[in-house]
Amino acid sequence: MRTVLLTAVYYLAVTPWGWCRRRVRDPLARRRLPRAQTYWHFTPGSGPGER
């Protein structure tokens, strides 16, 4: 009985919450930007010859 209850809570509460959250915000920045020249993210000190 507990498994059925936990499954119902997951699919009726947790899953829709995750869907709504992803519709509002993109935490992994996966959206395409049509005018972007590149999708590379450079960090300071990561150039060639730098360690």
Protein backbone atom coordinates (compact mmCIF):
# COMPACT_ATOMS: atom_id res chain seq x y z
CA MET A 1 0.00 0.00 0.00
CA ARG A 2 2.85 2.39 0.80
CA THR A 3 4.39 1.88 -2.65
CA VAL A 4 1.12 2.77 -4.35
CA LEU A 5 0.77 5.90 -2.23
CA LEU A 6 4.34 7.05 -2.90
CA THR A 7 3.93 6.39 -6.63
CA ALA A 8 0.73 8.44 -6.70
CA VAL A 9 2.36 11.33 -4.82
CA TYR A 10 5.31 11.27 -7.20
CA TYR A 11 3.24 11.36 -10.38
CA LEU A 12 0.60 13.78 -9.09
CA ALA A 13 2.85 16.25 -7.25
CA VAL A 14 6.55 15.94 -8.02
CA THR A 15 6.39 15.38 -11.78
CA PRO A 16 4.10 18.35 -12.62
CA TRP A 17 6.19 20.57 -10.34
CA GLY A 18 9.33 19.62 -12.30
CA TRP A 19 7.62 20.25 -15.63
CA CYS A 20 6.43 23.68 -14.52
CA ARG A 21 9.83 24.59 -13.15
CA ARG A 22 11.54 23.68 -16.43
CA ARG A 23 9.01 25.74 -18.40
CA VAL A 24 9.84 28.84 -16.34
CA ARG A 25 13.61 28.44 -15.97
CA ASP A 26 16.28 26.51 -17.88
CA PRO A 27 18.84 25.46 -15.23
CA LEU A 28 21.24 23.85 -17.72
CA ALA A 29 20.96 26.64 -20.34
CA ARG A 30 19.89 24.17 -23.04
CA ARG A 31 17.81 26.59 -25.08
CA ARG A 32 19.10 27.54 -28.49
CA LEU A 33 19.93 31.17 -29.11
CA PRO A 34 19.32 31.93 -32.80
CA ARG A 35 21.73 34.87 -32.90
CA ALA A 36 24.55 33.30 -30.88
CA GLN A 37 27.89 33.10 -32.65
CA THR A 38 29.09 30.29 -30.38
CA TYR A 39 27.87 28.13 -27.53
CA TRP A 40 31.30 27.68 -25.93
CA HIS A 41 31.71 29.04 -22.41
CA PHE A 42 35.26 30.19 -21.71
CA THR A 43 36.60 30.60 -18.20
CA PRO A 44 39.51 32.85 -17.17
CA GLY A 45 42.85 31.06 -17.25
CA SER A 46 41.71 28.26 -19.54
CA GLY A 47 43.50 29.42 -22.68
CA PRO A 48 46.22 27.53 -24.51
CA GLY A 49 49.50 27.33 -22.62
CA GLU A 50 47.98 28.35 -19.30
CA ARG A 51 47.98 25.90 -16.39
